[in-house]
Amino acid sequence: MTDTDTATAPERKRGSGVKMVYDLLRDEILDLVLPPGSPIDEVQLAERFGMSRTPIREALVRLSGEGLIETLPNRSTMVSNIDFLNLNTLFDALVLMYRVTTRLAAQYHRPEDLVIIRGFHEDYAAAVQSRDTLAMIATNAAFHAAIADAGRNPYFTGLFRRLLDEARRILRLYYQSYEEQFPQRFVEEHAEIIAAIEARDVEAADRIGKAHAEQIVLQVQKLFSRDGRLDISL
């Protein structure tokens, strides 16, 4: 090993430690393994991951920047609560991005994009068949993110990915409400979206993307509110 390798190896190791902590905690928060309001303790995390508090702190700063954790006035840290009162603003943004990204994909996709999109579609169908909630959420997000990629606008893609991540905790609760009756119709709608994109039918892609997003939003709203009251327990 050269002097240069010796000098850079610890930095790579430290950086990879931050990413590992960040990735694991982020998944646990978004999958509700760590529910909203759960305390976050740097010392306990350092013991759990077998590393110093420095990479733990760096990972927490990233999570805080994404709004997934928050520091209270007493300096304690917790998993951020879900802002149920302002869900409509999230839903409005999601519906718009479903429309825009599907529309652009119909205009600008390449043959290789369809291969990727179909692959995630098949993964999602398999997750529905096996009743794997976490896989359904992950593959659904990957499917729509691949459609965004096919639209060739990195600004829309970046925004849409963030919105899909923000909605992940909501969808986790949503899928739990189905128990054993998972939404097979979403698989069929995904197939319709692919067909519109492949045909380069921009208006159909826009229309189907909008309808797909709006019915998901409607179902979530029904789940979360009955007679004006929140109908969910965390």
Protein backbone atom coordinates (compact mmCIF):
# COMPACT_ATOMS: atom_id res chain seq x y z
CA MET A 1 0.00 0.00 0.00
CA THR A 2 1.36 3.44 -0.92
CA ASP A 3 1.57 6.44 1.39
CA THR A 4 -1.31 7.96 -0.53
CA ASP A 5 -3.47 4.87 0.00
CA THR A 6 -2.62 4.90 3.70
CA ALA A 7 -3.61 8.53 3.99
CA THR A 8 -6.94 8.23 2.20
CA ALA A 9 -8.19 4.86 3.54
CA PRO A 10 -9.36 6.18 6.96
CA GLU A 11 -11.30 8.99 5.26
CA ARG A 12 -13.08 6.54 2.96
CA LYS A 13 -13.89 4.35 5.93
CA ARG A 14 -15.30 7.26 7.90
CA GLY A 15 -17.38 8.44 4.97
CA SER A 16 -18.78 4.98 4.37
CA GLY A 17 -19.70 4.78 8.07
CA VAL A 18 -21.75 7.97 7.80
CA LYS A 19 -23.55 6.62 4.74
CA MET A 20 -24.29 3.29 6.40
CA VAL A 21 -25.80 4.96 9.48
CA TYR A 22 -27.72 7.44 7.33
CA ASP A 23 -29.11 4.75 5.01
CA LEU A 24 -30.19 2.42 7.83
CA LEU A 25 -31.78 5.11 9.99
CA ARG A 26 -33.50 6.69 7.00
CA ASP A 27 -35.04 3.37 5.99
CA GLU A 28 -36.12 2.66 9.57
CA ILE A 29 -37.79 6.08 9.82
CA LEU A 30 -39.52 5.86 6.43
CA ASP A 31 -40.65 2.28 7.06
CA LEU A 32 -41.95 3.25 10.53
CA VAL A 33 -39.59 0.87 12.30
CA LEU A 34 -38.76 4.08 14.17
CA PRO A 35 -42.23 5.65 14.60
CA PRO A 36 -42.83 9.41 14.63
CA GLY A 37 -41.80 10.88 17.98
CA SER A 38 -39.24 8.17 18.73
CA PRO A 39 -36.22 9.50 20.65
CA ILE A 40 -32.85 9.51 18.89
CA ASP A 41 -29.85 9.07 21.18
CA GLU A 42 -26.35 9.55 19.77
CA VAL A 43 -24.71 7.46 22.49
CA GLN A 44 -27.03 4.50 21.95
CA LEU A 45 -26.55 4.73 18.19
CA ALA A 46 -22.77 4.83 18.59
CA GLU A 47 -22.97 1.66 20.67
CA ARG A 48 -25.35 0.02 18.20
CA PHE A 49 -23.15 0.69 15.17
CA GLY A 50 -19.82 0.27 16.98
CA MET A 51 -18.41 3.64 15.98
CA SER A 52 -17.68 7.06 17.41
CA ARG A 53 -20.34 9.74 17.74
CA THR A 54 -18.84 11.85 14.93
CA PRO A 55 -20.23 9.81 12.00
CA ILE A 56 -23.48 9.36 13.93
CA ARG A 57 -23.78 13.12 14.28
CA GLU A 58 -23.03 13.66 10.58
CA ALA A 59 -25.72 11.16 9.59
CA LEU A 60 -28.22 12.87 11.89
CA VAL A 61 -27.43 16.25 10.33
CA ARG A 62 -28.32 14.81 6.91
CA LEU A 63 -31.56 13.33 8.25
CA SER A 64 -32.42 16.63 9.90
CA GLY A 65 -31.84 18.44 6.61
CA GLU A 66 -34.44 16.14 5.02
CA GLY A 67 -36.92 16.86 7.79
CA LEU A 68 -36.92 13.29 9.10
CA ILE A 69 -35.62 14.13 12.56
CA GLU A 70 -35.83 17.29 14.65
CA THR A 71 -34.07 18.76 17.66
CA LEU A 72 -36.31 20.03 20.43
CA PRO A 73 -35.66 23.17 22.56
CA ASN A 74 -34.21 20.97 25.32
CA ARG A 75 -31.69 19.70 22.70
CA SER A 76 -33.12 16.20 22.65
CA THR A 77 -33.61 14.66 19.21
CA MET A 78 -36.61 12.72 17.90
CA VAL A 79 -38.09 11.32 14.72
CA SER A 80 -40.22 14.03 13.12
CA ASN A 81 -43.96 13.70 13.39
CA ILE A 82 -46.07 13.35 10.27
CA ASP A 83 -47.74 16.66 9.46
CA PHE A 84 -51.26 15.35 8.92
CA LEU A 85 -52.77 18.84 8.92
CA ASN A 86 -50.83 19.84 5.79
CA LEU A 87 -51.10 16.61 3.81
CA ASN A 88 -53.15 18.32 1.12
CA THR A 89 -50.15 20.39 0.03
CA LEU A 90 -48.09 17.20 -0.31
CA PHE A 91 -50.89 15.53 -2.24
CA ASP A 92 -51.24 18.49 -4.61
CA ALA A 93 -47.53 18.37 -5.38
CA LEU A 94 -47.59 14.59 -5.89
CA VAL A 95 -50.51 14.70 -8.32
CA LEU A 96 -48.79 17.42 -10.34
CA MET A 97 -45.53 15.48 -10.48
CA TYR A 98 -47.26 12.23 -11.46
CA ARG A 99 -48.77 14.11 -14.39
CA VAL A 100 -45.65 15.99 -15.44
CA THR A 101 -43.24 13.07 -15.23
CA THR A 102 -45.55 10.63 -17.03
CA ARG A 103 -46.24 13.20 -19.73
CA LEU A 104 -42.55 13.92 -20.29
CA ALA A 105 -41.73 10.21 -20.37
CA ALA A 106 -44.21 9.79 -23.21
CA GLN A 107 -42.41 12.55 -25.10
CA TYR A 108 -38.76 11.78 -24.45
CA HIS A 109 -38.34 8.12 -23.41
CA ARG A 110 -35.81 5.87 -25.09
CA PRO A 111 -36.20 2.12 -25.67
CA GLU A 112 -33.88 1.31 -22.78
CA ASP A 113 -36.07 3.35 -20.42
CA LEU A 114 -39.02 1.07 -21.09
CA VAL A 115 -36.94 -1.97 -20.15
CA ILE A 116 -36.17 -0.41 -16.76
CA ILE A 117 -39.74 0.76 -16.19
CA ARG A 118 -41.17 -2.65 -17.05
CA GLY A 119 -38.68 -4.30 -14.71
CA PHE A 120 -39.92 -2.23 -11.76
CA HIS A 121 -43.51 -2.86 -12.85
CA GLU A 122 -42.89 -6.62 -12.65
CA ASP A 123 -41.21 -6.21 -9.27
CA TYR A 124 -44.22 -4.29 -7.98
CA ALA A 125 -46.65 -6.91 -9.27
CA ALA A 126 -44.62 -9.62 -7.54
CA ALA A 127 -44.64 -7.64 -4.28
CA VAL A 128 -48.44 -7.29 -4.45
CA GLN A 129 -48.76 -11.02 -5.14
CA SER A 130 -46.55 -11.91 -2.17
CA ARG A 131 -48.24 -9.30 0.08
CA ASP A 132 -44.91 -7.65 0.88
CA THR A 133 -45.81 -4.14 2.01
CA LEU A 134 -42.30 -2.72 2.20
CA ALA A 135 -41.42 -4.13 -1.22
CA MET A 136 -44.61 -2.64 -2.69
CA ILE A 137 -43.71 0.82 -1.42
CA ALA A 138 -40.10 0.58 -2.58
CA THR A 139 -40.87 -0.82 -6.03
CA ASN A 140 -43.73 1.64 -6.58
CA ALA A 141 -41.37 4.53 -5.85
CA ALA A 142 -38.72 3.01 -8.12
CA PHE A 143 -41.29 2.56 -10.91
CA HIS A 144 -42.38 6.19 -10.86
CA ALA A 145 -38.83 7.47 -10.39
CA ALA A 146 -37.80 5.51 -13.50
CA ILE A 147 -40.62 7.19 -15.39
CA ALA A 148 -39.33 10.55 -14.19
CA ASP A 149 -35.83 9.62 -15.39
CA ALA A 150 -37.27 8.82 -18.82
CA GLY A 151 -38.63 12.37 -19.03
CA ARG A 152 -35.09 13.72 -19.16
CA ASN A 153 -35.62 16.61 -16.73
CA PRO A 154 -33.34 16.22 -13.69
CA TYR A 155 -35.08 19.01 -11.79
CA PHE A 156 -38.43 17.25 -11.94
CA THR A 157 -36.76 13.94 -11.17
CA GLY A 158 -35.06 15.28 -8.06
CA LEU A 159 -38.24 16.92 -6.77
CA PHE A 160 -40.35 13.85 -7.47
CA ARG A 161 -37.94 11.53 -5.69
CA ARG A 162 -38.06 13.74 -2.61
CA LEU A 163 -41.86 13.86 -2.68
CA LEU A 164 -42.04 10.08 -3.02
CA ASP A 165 -39.75 9.74 -0.02
CA GLU A 166 -41.85 12.16 2.01
CA ALA A 167 -44.95 10.14 1.17
CA ARG A 168 -43.32 6.83 2.09
CA ARG A 169 -44.43 6.91 5.73
CA ILE A 170 -47.96 7.79 4.64
CA LEU A 171 -48.01 4.88 2.19
CA ARG A 172 -46.71 2.54 4.89
CA LEU A 173 -49.75 3.34 7.01
CA TYR A 174 -51.98 3.19 3.96
CA TYR A 175 -50.92 -0.30 2.90
CA GLN A 176 -51.32 -1.54 6.46
CA SER A 177 -55.01 -0.70 6.22
CA TYR A 178 -55.51 -3.25 3.44
CA GLU A 179 -54.59 -6.22 5.62
CA GLU A 180 -54.80 -9.06 3.06
CA GLN A 181 -56.64 -7.23 0.27
CA PHE A 182 -53.83 -5.45 -1.54
CA PRO A 183 -54.59 -3.07 -4.45
CA GLN A 184 -54.26 -5.20 -7.58
CA ARG A 185 -55.77 -2.34 -9.58
CA PHE A 186 -52.55 -0.36 -9.14
CA VAL A 187 -50.73 -3.08 -11.06
CA GLU A 188 -53.24 -2.71 -13.89
CA GLU A 189 -52.93 1.08 -13.86
CA HIS A 190 -49.14 0.83 -14.01
CA ALA A 191 -49.54 -1.30 -17.14
CA GLU A 192 -51.80 1.38 -18.66
CA ILE A 193 -49.21 4.05 -17.88
CA ILE A 194 -46.50 2.01 -19.61
CA ALA A 195 -48.70 1.51 -22.65
CA ALA A 196 -49.35 5.26 -22.96
CA ILE A 197 -45.66 6.05 -22.59
CA GLU A 198 -44.66 3.44 -25.16
CA ALA A 199 -47.24 4.80 -27.62
CA ARG A 200 -45.91 8.33 -27.03
CA ASP A 201 -49.48 9.36 -26.31
CA VAL A 202 -48.74 12.47 -24.27
CA GLU A 203 -52.34 13.36 -23.46
CA ALA A 204 -53.23 9.81 -22.41
CA ALA A 205 -50.10 9.63 -20.26
CA ASP A 206 -51.08 12.89 -18.57
CA ARG A 207 -54.67 11.76 -18.05
CA ILE A 208 -53.81 8.30 -16.70
CA GLY A 209 -51.04 9.62 -14.48
CA LYS A 210 -53.42 12.19 -13.00
CA ALA A 211 -56.20 9.65 -12.41
CA HIS A 212 -53.74 7.19 -10.87
CA ALA A 213 -52.40 9.77 -8.43
CA GLU A 214 -55.81 11.20 -7.53
CA GLN A 215 -57.34 7.86 -6.63
CA ILE A 216 -54.38 7.06 -4.37
CA VAL A 217 -54.81 10.43 -2.69
CA LEU A 218 -58.54 9.81 -2.27
CA GLN A 219 -57.96 6.44 -0.63
CA VAL A 220 -55.37 7.90 1.73
CA GLN A 221 -57.72 10.72 2.69
CA LYS A 222 -60.48 8.22 3.42
CA LEU A 223 -58.11 6.25 5.62
CA PHE A 224 -56.88 9.24 7.60
CA SER A 225 -60.15 11.07 8.14
CA ARG A 226 -63.61 9.89 9.00
CA ASP A 227 -66.22 12.40 10.09
CA GLY A 228 -63.49 15.02 10.21
CA ARG A 229 -61.37 13.08 12.68
CA LEU A 230 -58.04 11.37 12.24
CA ASP A 231 -58.71 7.65 11.89
CA ILE A 232 -55.28 6.18 12.49
CA SER A 233 -53.04 5.07 15.32
CA LEU A 234 -49.27 5.17 15.24
